[in-house]
Protein backbone atom coordinates (compact mmCIF):
# COMPACT_ATOMS: atom_id res chain seq x y z
CA MET A 1 29.18 -37.44 -45.71
CA ALA A 2 29.36 -35.16 -42.74
CA VAL A 3 31.85 -36.08 -40.05
CA LEU A 4 30.67 -35.88 -36.46
CA LYS A 5 33.22 -34.46 -34.06
CA ARG A 6 33.04 -35.42 -30.43
CA ASN A 7 34.15 -31.94 -29.39
CA HIS A 8 30.97 -30.52 -30.94
CA ILE A 9 28.56 -32.55 -28.81
CA PRO A 10 26.64 -29.93 -26.76
CA ALA A 11 26.90 -30.17 -23.02
CA SER A 12 23.64 -30.99 -21.31
CA GLU A 13 21.94 -28.00 -19.74
CA PRO A 14 21.04 -28.08 -16.03
CA VAL A 15 17.49 -29.02 -15.19
CA ARG A 16 15.52 -25.83 -14.72
CA VAL A 17 14.08 -25.02 -11.30
CA PRO A 18 10.59 -23.68 -12.10
CA ILE A 19 9.10 -20.63 -10.41
CA ALA A 20 6.01 -22.57 -9.34
CA ARG A 21 4.33 -25.97 -9.54
CA PRO A 22 0.74 -25.66 -8.32
CA ARG A 23 -0.69 -28.78 -6.72
CA LEU A 24 -4.37 -29.42 -6.09
CA PRO A 25 -5.91 -32.31 -4.14
CA THR A 26 -5.75 -35.69 -5.83
CA ARG A 27 -8.84 -37.42 -7.16
CA GLU A 28 -8.73 -39.78 -4.16
CA MET A 29 -8.93 -36.80 -1.80
CA ILE A 30 -11.80 -35.24 -3.74
CA ALA A 31 -13.72 -38.51 -4.28
CA PRO A 32 -15.77 -38.48 -1.03
CA TYR A 33 -17.09 -35.04 -1.91
CA LEU A 34 -17.89 -36.11 -5.47
CA ASP A 35 -19.85 -39.03 -4.03
CA ARG A 36 -21.88 -36.55 -1.99
CA ILE A 37 -22.60 -34.53 -5.14
CA ASP A 38 -23.75 -37.67 -6.95
CA ASP A 39 -25.98 -38.68 -4.04
CA ALA A 40 -27.57 -35.23 -3.64
CA ARG A 41 -27.75 -34.49 -7.38
CA ARG A 42 -27.19 -30.86 -6.47
CA TYR A 43 -24.53 -29.23 -8.62
CA ALA A 44 -24.88 -25.46 -8.17
CA ASN A 45 -27.04 -22.74 -6.58
CA HIS A 46 -25.62 -22.76 -3.05
CA GLY A 47 -25.58 -26.52 -2.69
CA PRO A 48 -24.57 -28.34 0.52
CA LEU A 49 -20.86 -28.40 -0.28
CA VAL A 50 -20.76 -24.65 -0.90
CA VAL A 51 -22.63 -24.08 2.37
CA GLU A 52 -20.15 -26.31 4.22
CA LEU A 53 -17.20 -24.57 2.61
CA GLU A 54 -18.46 -21.13 3.59
CA GLN A 55 -18.98 -22.31 7.17
CA ARG A 56 -15.49 -23.81 7.41
CA LEU A 57 -13.86 -20.71 5.93
CA ALA A 58 -15.79 -18.50 8.35
CA GLY A 59 -14.70 -20.77 11.19
CA ARG A 60 -11.10 -19.68 10.57
CA LEU A 61 -11.98 -16.09 11.54
CA VAL A 62 -12.06 -14.81 15.12
CA ASP A 63 -14.58 -11.97 14.89
CA ALA A 64 -17.74 -13.89 13.99
CA ALA A 65 -17.31 -12.86 10.37
CA GLU A 66 -19.11 -14.78 7.68
CA VAL A 67 -18.15 -15.75 4.15
CA VAL A 68 -19.74 -15.66 0.71
CA THR A 69 -18.05 -17.68 -2.05
CA CYS A 70 -17.80 -16.57 -5.67
CA ALA A 71 -16.75 -18.04 -9.00
CA ASN A 72 -13.31 -16.40 -8.75
CA GLY A 73 -11.35 -13.84 -6.80
CA THR A 74 -11.62 -11.05 -9.37
CA VAL A 75 -15.40 -11.10 -9.56
CA ALA A 76 -15.42 -11.23 -5.75
CA ILE A 77 -13.74 -7.79 -5.69
CA THR A 78 -16.09 -6.40 -8.32
CA LEU A 79 -19.21 -7.55 -6.49
CA ALA A 80 -17.83 -6.48 -3.11
CA LEU A 81 -17.33 -2.94 -4.43
CA ARG A 82 -20.90 -2.92 -5.73
CA ALA A 83 -22.35 -4.41 -2.55
CA ALA A 84 -20.51 -1.79 -0.48
CA GLY A 85 -22.14 1.00 -2.49
CA ALA A 86 -19.11 2.28 -4.41
CA LYS A 87 -20.38 5.05 -6.67
CA PRO A 88 -20.20 4.15 -10.38
CA GLY A 89 -18.19 6.69 -12.37
CA SER A 90 -16.03 7.64 -9.39
CA LEU A 91 -12.39 6.79 -8.71
CA CYS A 92 -11.27 3.62 -6.95
CA LEU A 93 -8.09 4.51 -5.07
CA MET A 94 -5.67 1.57 -5.19
CA PRO A 95 -1.96 0.86 -5.21
CA ALA A 96 -0.13 0.83 -8.51
CA TRP A 97 1.90 -2.00 -6.96
CA THR A 98 -0.61 -4.79 -7.51
CA PHE A 99 -1.72 -7.44 -9.98
CA CYS A 100 -3.88 -6.29 -12.87
CA ALA A 101 -6.92 -8.14 -11.47
CA SER A 102 -7.33 -5.36 -8.89
CA ALA A 103 -7.80 -2.73 -11.58
CA HIS A 104 -9.92 -4.98 -13.80
CA ALA A 105 -12.24 -5.63 -10.85
CA ALA A 106 -12.66 -1.92 -10.13
CA MET A 107 -13.46 -1.22 -13.76
CA GLY A 108 -15.94 -4.09 -13.74
CA ALA A 109 -17.75 -2.31 -10.90
CA GLY A 110 -17.96 0.86 -13.00
CA LEU A 111 -15.11 2.70 -11.28
CA THR A 112 -11.89 4.15 -12.66
CA PRO A 113 -8.63 3.00 -11.03
CA TYR A 114 -6.71 5.83 -9.37
CA PHE A 115 -3.17 4.61 -8.79
CA VAL A 116 -1.23 5.84 -5.76
CA ASP A 117 2.10 4.87 -4.30
CA VAL A 118 2.82 2.39 -1.52
CA ASP A 119 4.86 2.47 1.65
CA PRO A 120 8.47 1.43 0.96
CA GLU A 121 8.56 -0.91 3.97
CA THR A 122 5.21 -2.68 3.76
CA TRP A 123 4.75 -2.43 -0.06
CA MET A 124 1.12 -1.56 0.69
CA LEU A 125 -1.05 1.53 0.91
CA ASP A 126 -0.43 3.68 3.98
CA PRO A 127 -3.69 4.93 5.53
CA ALA A 128 -2.33 8.41 6.29
CA ALA A 129 -0.98 8.79 2.75
CA VAL A 130 -4.32 7.64 1.36
CA LEU A 131 -6.12 10.47 3.15
CA ALA A 132 -3.76 12.94 1.49
CA ALA A 133 -4.26 11.24 -1.88
CA ILE A 134 -8.03 11.54 -1.54
CA ALA A 135 -7.68 15.28 -0.95
CA ALA A 136 -5.43 15.62 -4.02
CA ALA A 137 -7.46 13.32 -6.29
CA PRO A 138 -8.38 14.67 -9.74
CA ALA A 139 -12.03 13.60 -9.30
CA GLU A 140 -14.35 12.13 -6.69
CA VAL A 141 -13.02 9.05 -4.91
CA GLY A 142 -15.77 6.48 -4.47
CA ALA A 143 -13.89 3.55 -2.92
CA ILE A 144 -10.55 2.45 -1.54
CA LEU A 145 -8.97 -0.88 -2.48
CA PRO A 146 -5.92 -1.74 -0.33
CA VAL A 147 -4.00 -4.83 -1.48
CA ALA A 148 -2.37 -7.45 0.74
CA ALA A 149 1.09 -7.47 -0.84
CA PHE A 150 1.84 -11.05 -1.90
CA GLY A 151 -0.33 -12.36 0.93
CA ARG A 152 0.80 -10.10 3.79
CA THR A 153 -2.39 -8.94 5.50
CA PRO A 154 -2.45 -5.21 6.28
CA ASP A 155 -3.65 -3.71 9.55
CA LEU A 156 -7.37 -4.16 8.97
CA ALA A 157 -8.36 -2.16 12.06
CA CYS A 158 -6.65 0.89 10.56
CA TRP A 159 -8.66 0.45 7.38
CA ARG A 160 -11.83 0.19 9.44
CA ASP A 161 -10.92 3.59 10.90
CA VAL A 162 -10.36 4.98 7.39
CA ALA A 163 -13.75 3.70 6.27
CA ASP A 164 -15.44 5.22 9.31
CA GLY A 165 -13.59 8.51 8.97
CA THR A 166 -14.12 9.03 5.24
CA GLY A 167 -17.47 7.34 4.77
CA LEU A 168 -15.98 5.53 1.78
CA PRO A 169 -16.23 1.80 1.12
CA VAL A 170 -12.94 0.02 1.86
CA ILE A 171 -12.52 -3.42 0.27
CA VAL A 172 -9.24 -5.24 0.85
CA ASP A 173 -7.89 -7.28 -2.06
CA GLY A 174 -6.41 -10.17 -0.09
CA ALA A 175 -6.02 -12.53 -3.04
CA ALA A 176 -3.11 -14.47 -1.53
CA ALA A 177 -3.91 -13.78 2.14
CA PHE A 178 -5.72 -17.02 2.97
CA ASP A 179 -3.27 -18.04 5.68
CA GLY A 180 -2.79 -14.68 7.37
CA LEU A 181 -6.43 -13.57 7.40
CA GLU A 182 -7.82 -13.81 10.94
CA CYS A 183 -10.61 -11.22 11.02
CA ALA A 184 -12.63 -9.02 8.71
CA PRO A 185 -13.54 -5.64 10.24
CA VAL A 186 -13.68 -4.48 6.62
CA PRO A 187 -14.57 -6.78 3.72
CA VAL A 188 -11.63 -8.86 2.50
CA THR A 189 -11.59 -10.86 -0.74
CA VAL A 190 -9.51 -14.04 -1.07
CA SER A 191 -8.65 -16.06 -4.15
CA LEU A 192 -8.92 -19.86 -4.34
CA HIS A 193 -7.22 -20.03 -7.74
CA ALA A 194 -5.12 -23.09 -8.54
CA THR A 195 -1.92 -21.12 -7.92
CA LYS A 196 -2.86 -20.33 -4.31
CA THR A 197 -1.88 -22.31 -1.22
CA CYS A 198 -5.45 -23.45 -0.54
CA ALA A 199 -7.25 -23.81 -3.83
CA ALA A 200 -10.47 -24.77 -5.56
CA GLY A 201 -8.96 -24.71 -9.04
CA GLU A 202 -10.94 -21.54 -9.62
CA GLY A 203 -12.91 -19.65 -7.02
CA GLY A 204 -12.82 -17.00 -4.32
CA TYR A 205 -14.64 -15.64 -1.32
CA VAL A 206 -15.42 -12.48 0.59
CA ALA A 207 -15.17 -12.32 4.38
CA SER A 208 -17.02 -9.64 6.34
CA SER A 209 -18.62 -8.93 9.69
CA ASP A 210 -21.42 -6.96 8.01
CA ALA A 211 -24.39 -9.26 7.47
CA ALA A 212 -26.30 -6.74 5.33
CA PHE A 213 -23.28 -6.29 3.05
CA LEU A 214 -22.95 -10.06 2.61
CA ALA A 215 -26.64 -10.44 1.85
CA SER A 216 -26.33 -7.81 -0.88
CA LEU A 217 -23.20 -9.51 -2.22
CA ARG A 218 -24.90 -12.90 -2.34
CA GLY A 219 -27.76 -11.44 -4.35
CA LEU A 220 -25.39 -9.72 -6.78
CA ALA A 221 -23.69 -13.08 -7.39
CA SER A 222 -27.01 -14.83 -8.05
CA PHE A 223 -29.02 -12.88 -10.65
CA GLY A 224 -30.18 -10.32 -8.10
CA PHE A 225 -32.27 -12.91 -6.27
CA HIS A 226 -32.92 -12.22 -2.60
CA GLY A 227 -34.90 -15.15 -1.21
CA ASP A 228 -37.07 -15.66 -4.27
CA ARG A 229 -36.72 -15.85 -8.04
CA SER A 230 -37.38 -12.19 -8.73
CA ALA A 231 -34.35 -10.21 -9.93
CA ARG A 232 -34.41 -7.20 -7.64
CA THR A 233 -31.13 -5.59 -8.70
CA PRO A 234 -28.90 -5.72 -11.79
CA ALA A 235 -26.57 -8.61 -11.10
CA CYS A 236 -24.72 -11.55 -12.63
CA ASN A 237 -24.18 -15.26 -12.10
CA ALA A 238 -20.98 -15.58 -10.09
CA LYS A 239 -21.80 -18.50 -7.82
CA MET A 240 -19.31 -21.23 -6.98
CA SER A 241 -20.24 -24.70 -8.23
CA GLU A 242 -20.41 -27.77 -6.02
CA TYR A 243 -17.46 -29.23 -7.94
CA ALA A 244 -15.22 -26.27 -7.12
CA ALA A 245 -16.38 -26.50 -3.52
CA ALA A 246 -15.42 -30.18 -3.47
CA VAL A 247 -11.85 -29.32 -4.43
CA ALA A 248 -11.71 -26.49 -1.91
CA LEU A 249 -13.01 -28.71 0.89
CA ALA A 250 -10.37 -31.33 0.08
CA SER A 251 -7.77 -28.54 0.15
CA LEU A 252 -8.98 -27.49 3.59
CA ASP A 253 -8.76 -31.09 4.80
CA ALA A 254 -5.09 -31.15 3.79
CA TRP A 255 -4.30 -27.62 4.95
CA PRO A 256 -2.58 -28.33 8.31
CA ALA A 257 -0.06 -30.69 6.68
CA ASP A 258 0.28 -28.53 3.58
CA ARG A 259 0.94 -25.41 5.62
CA ALA A 260 3.71 -27.18 7.52
CA ARG A 261 5.39 -28.12 4.23
CA PHE A 262 5.09 -24.59 2.83
CA ALA A 263 6.56 -23.21 6.06
CA LEU A 264 9.44 -25.70 6.04
CA THR A 265 10.38 -24.73 2.48
CA ALA A 266 10.20 -21.04 3.41
CA GLN A 267 12.50 -21.54 6.39
CA ARG A 268 14.99 -23.43 4.22
CA LEU A 269 15.06 -20.52 1.78
CA ARG A 270 15.55 -18.06 4.61
CA ALA A 271 18.36 -20.16 6.09
CA GLY A 272 20.10 -20.51 2.74
CA LEU A 273 20.24 -16.72 2.36
CA ALA A 274 20.76 -15.80 6.01
CA LEU A 275 24.28 -14.51 5.33
CA ARG A 276 23.15 -12.25 2.48
CA PRO A 277 21.69 -9.16 4.16
CA GLU A 278 21.14 -7.51 0.78
CA ILE A 279 18.31 -10.02 0.19
CA GLY A 280 15.24 -9.16 2.25
CA PHE A 281 12.17 -11.30 2.89
CA GLN A 282 8.78 -9.84 3.72
CA PRO A 283 8.38 -9.57 7.52
CA GLY A 284 6.83 -12.70 8.95
CA TRP A 285 6.78 -14.59 5.66
CA GLY A 286 7.21 -18.32 6.24
CA ALA A 287 6.59 -18.05 9.97
CA ARG A 288 3.61 -15.90 10.98
CA TRP A 289 2.06 -16.22 7.53
CA ILE A 290 2.68 -17.96 4.23
CA SER A 291 1.48 -17.49 0.69
CA SER A 292 2.02 -19.09 -2.68
CA ALA A 293 4.88 -16.77 -3.68
CA CYS A 294 8.32 -15.91 -2.35
CA VAL A 295 9.12 -12.32 -3.28
CA VAL A 296 12.39 -10.87 -2.02
CA GLN A 297 13.91 -7.42 -1.98
CA THR A 298 17.22 -7.15 -3.85
CA PRO A 299 19.66 -4.24 -3.95
CA ALA A 300 17.93 -1.23 -5.47
CA TRP A 301 17.32 -1.40 -9.23
CA ARG A 302 19.30 -4.64 -9.65
CA ALA A 303 16.47 -7.19 -9.90
CA PRO A 304 16.46 -7.41 -13.74
CA GLY A 305 20.18 -8.17 -13.85
CA ILE A 306 19.89 -10.72 -11.05
CA ALA A 307 16.97 -12.39 -12.84
CA GLY A 308 19.06 -12.70 -16.00
CA ALA A 309 21.95 -14.23 -14.11
CA LEU A 310 19.63 -16.72 -12.38
CA ALA A 311 18.10 -17.70 -15.72
CA ALA A 312 21.57 -18.53 -17.02
CA LEU A 313 21.99 -20.81 -14.00
CA GLY A 314 18.71 -22.62 -14.67
CA VAL A 315 16.65 -20.92 -11.98
CA GLU A 316 13.37 -19.38 -13.10
CA THR A 317 12.21 -16.12 -11.55
CA ARG A 318 9.15 -13.93 -11.99
CA ASP A 319 8.34 -10.24 -11.67
CA TRP A 320 4.86 -11.10 -10.48
CA TRP A 321 3.49 -7.56 -10.73
CA GLY A 322 5.61 -6.42 -13.65
CA GLU A 323 6.45 -2.72 -13.70
CA GLY A 324 3.33 -1.81 -11.78
CA CYS A 325 -0.30 -1.86 -12.80
CA HIS A 326 -0.14 1.73 -14.05
CA ARG A 327 2.29 0.77 -16.84
CA GLN A 328 -0.01 -1.82 -18.42
CA PRO A 329 -1.76 -0.72 -21.63
CA ALA A 330 -5.25 -1.46 -20.35
CA PHE A 331 -4.86 1.22 -17.68
CA ALA A 332 -2.78 3.79 -19.55
CA ASP A 333 -5.49 6.45 -19.29
CA CYS A 334 -6.16 5.99 -15.58
CA PRO A 335 -5.16 8.84 -13.26
CA ARG A 336 -2.21 8.38 -10.96
CA ALA A 337 -0.23 10.14 -8.26
CA PRO A 338 3.60 10.21 -8.32
CA LEU A 339 4.85 6.60 -8.01
CA PRO A 340 8.58 6.59 -7.12
CA VAL A 341 8.33 3.69 -4.64
CA THR A 342 6.39 1.54 -7.09
CA ASP A 343 8.95 2.25 -9.82
CA ARG A 344 11.77 1.22 -7.45
CA LEU A 345 10.01 -1.93 -6.25
CA ALA A 346 9.47 -2.97 -9.88
CA ARG A 347 13.25 -3.00 -10.34
CA SER A 348 14.24 -4.17 -6.87
CA THR A 349 11.98 -7.15 -6.05
CA LEU A 350 12.05 -10.63 -7.47
CA GLY A 351 9.92 -13.75 -7.23
CA LEU A 352 11.96 -16.88 -6.44
CA PRO A 353 10.96 -20.54 -6.95
CA TYR A 354 8.60 -21.57 -4.18
CA PHE A 355 6.05 -24.37 -4.03
CA ILE A 356 4.94 -27.10 -1.68
CA ASP A 357 7.26 -29.86 -2.93
CA LEU A 358 10.33 -27.78 -3.72
CA ASP A 359 12.89 -30.19 -2.30
CA GLU A 360 15.85 -29.38 -0.09
CA ALA A 361 18.39 -29.90 -2.88
CA ASP A 362 16.63 -27.41 -5.13
CA VAL A 363 16.30 -24.93 -2.26
CA ARG A 364 20.07 -25.10 -1.81
CA ARG A 365 20.51 -24.68 -5.55
CA VAL A 366 18.25 -21.61 -5.63
CA ALA A 367 20.11 -20.04 -2.70
CA ALA A 368 23.54 -20.78 -4.19
CA ALA A 369 22.48 -19.49 -7.60
CA LEU A 370 21.16 -16.28 -6.07
CA VAL A 371 24.47 -15.71 -4.30
CA ASP A 372 26.29 -16.23 -7.60
CA ALA A 373 23.80 -13.99 -9.40
CA LEU A 374 24.38 -11.19 -6.93
CA GLU A 375 28.05 -11.26 -7.76
CA THR A 376 27.47 -11.59 -11.51
CA ALA A 377 24.94 -8.78 -11.63
CA HIS A 378 27.19 -6.58 -9.50
CA GLY A 379 30.11 -7.16 -11.86
């Protein structure tokens, strides 16, 4: 018979702090909208809830822009590129520092991703550098796809100038930029995925001040129909359902209170790391704008070691954009410019736990663990 020894009883491991815990509206919050669906017996095809959602989303913008919803954020980019007239077979200039959905969307529109580097301070495309990249491109550039880095909205007026100066379509991938988006002088796509701060479970939308562009986009998302049931252009079915709109409307109802909670958690994280200047937050994050991720700058090239040390302390991290889109197998054959900043960011940035109900005790734990991890990784 085996003898159990007390000294061999394993110590309990600390409860893990997860990187994220998405939270959508409860069934009680959604119920009034579901009742409206039941009463109207309208479930799709630009029903009343979708119309209301588009109006409320447009009401958040200051330049009289309008909104067209889509089934998800990725197809929103694809259809926006098509609606803007991006030439199939040409290059879509985009940052290598982005999520793979950006490149998938460009390929879905018949373009080839052309990866260029980002500015080391903003982590986004620089308009002046883009002009040089166009001149040095290995083939014709047919569109430009700037990306709002982890929800930080770029200077959209500058991109309007680029579009006017080059004659090229500029579509901004603002997947996580729901909170910071205030205007749309160029088309901007936003995701309403379950992981985002304001969510429909699955969905997305395109904001623009160009009514003709939006009309084309709406037709592309609805079988090529433009006011009748005749398919006038090759298209797809990418409409948002009334059920997704119900969730999104409930999310909008809760948004003022939810935003305050996201901001409070962000300020607690900032305060907990205020004495560690080697950890840098994106400018304005948690105050002027929020998103669903907290991505910090660590000392150069040390992020993998810090992530390992945090994991040992029970704190989950995430390299949200991996080593850069250009290093993923699906895009191995896509052309690219030199990417030193992207390569450095891939080894110097880190996603920390951040979600709406991350409590104060866990915020302190994350901050303390990161301080310990800095020392461990340095040693």
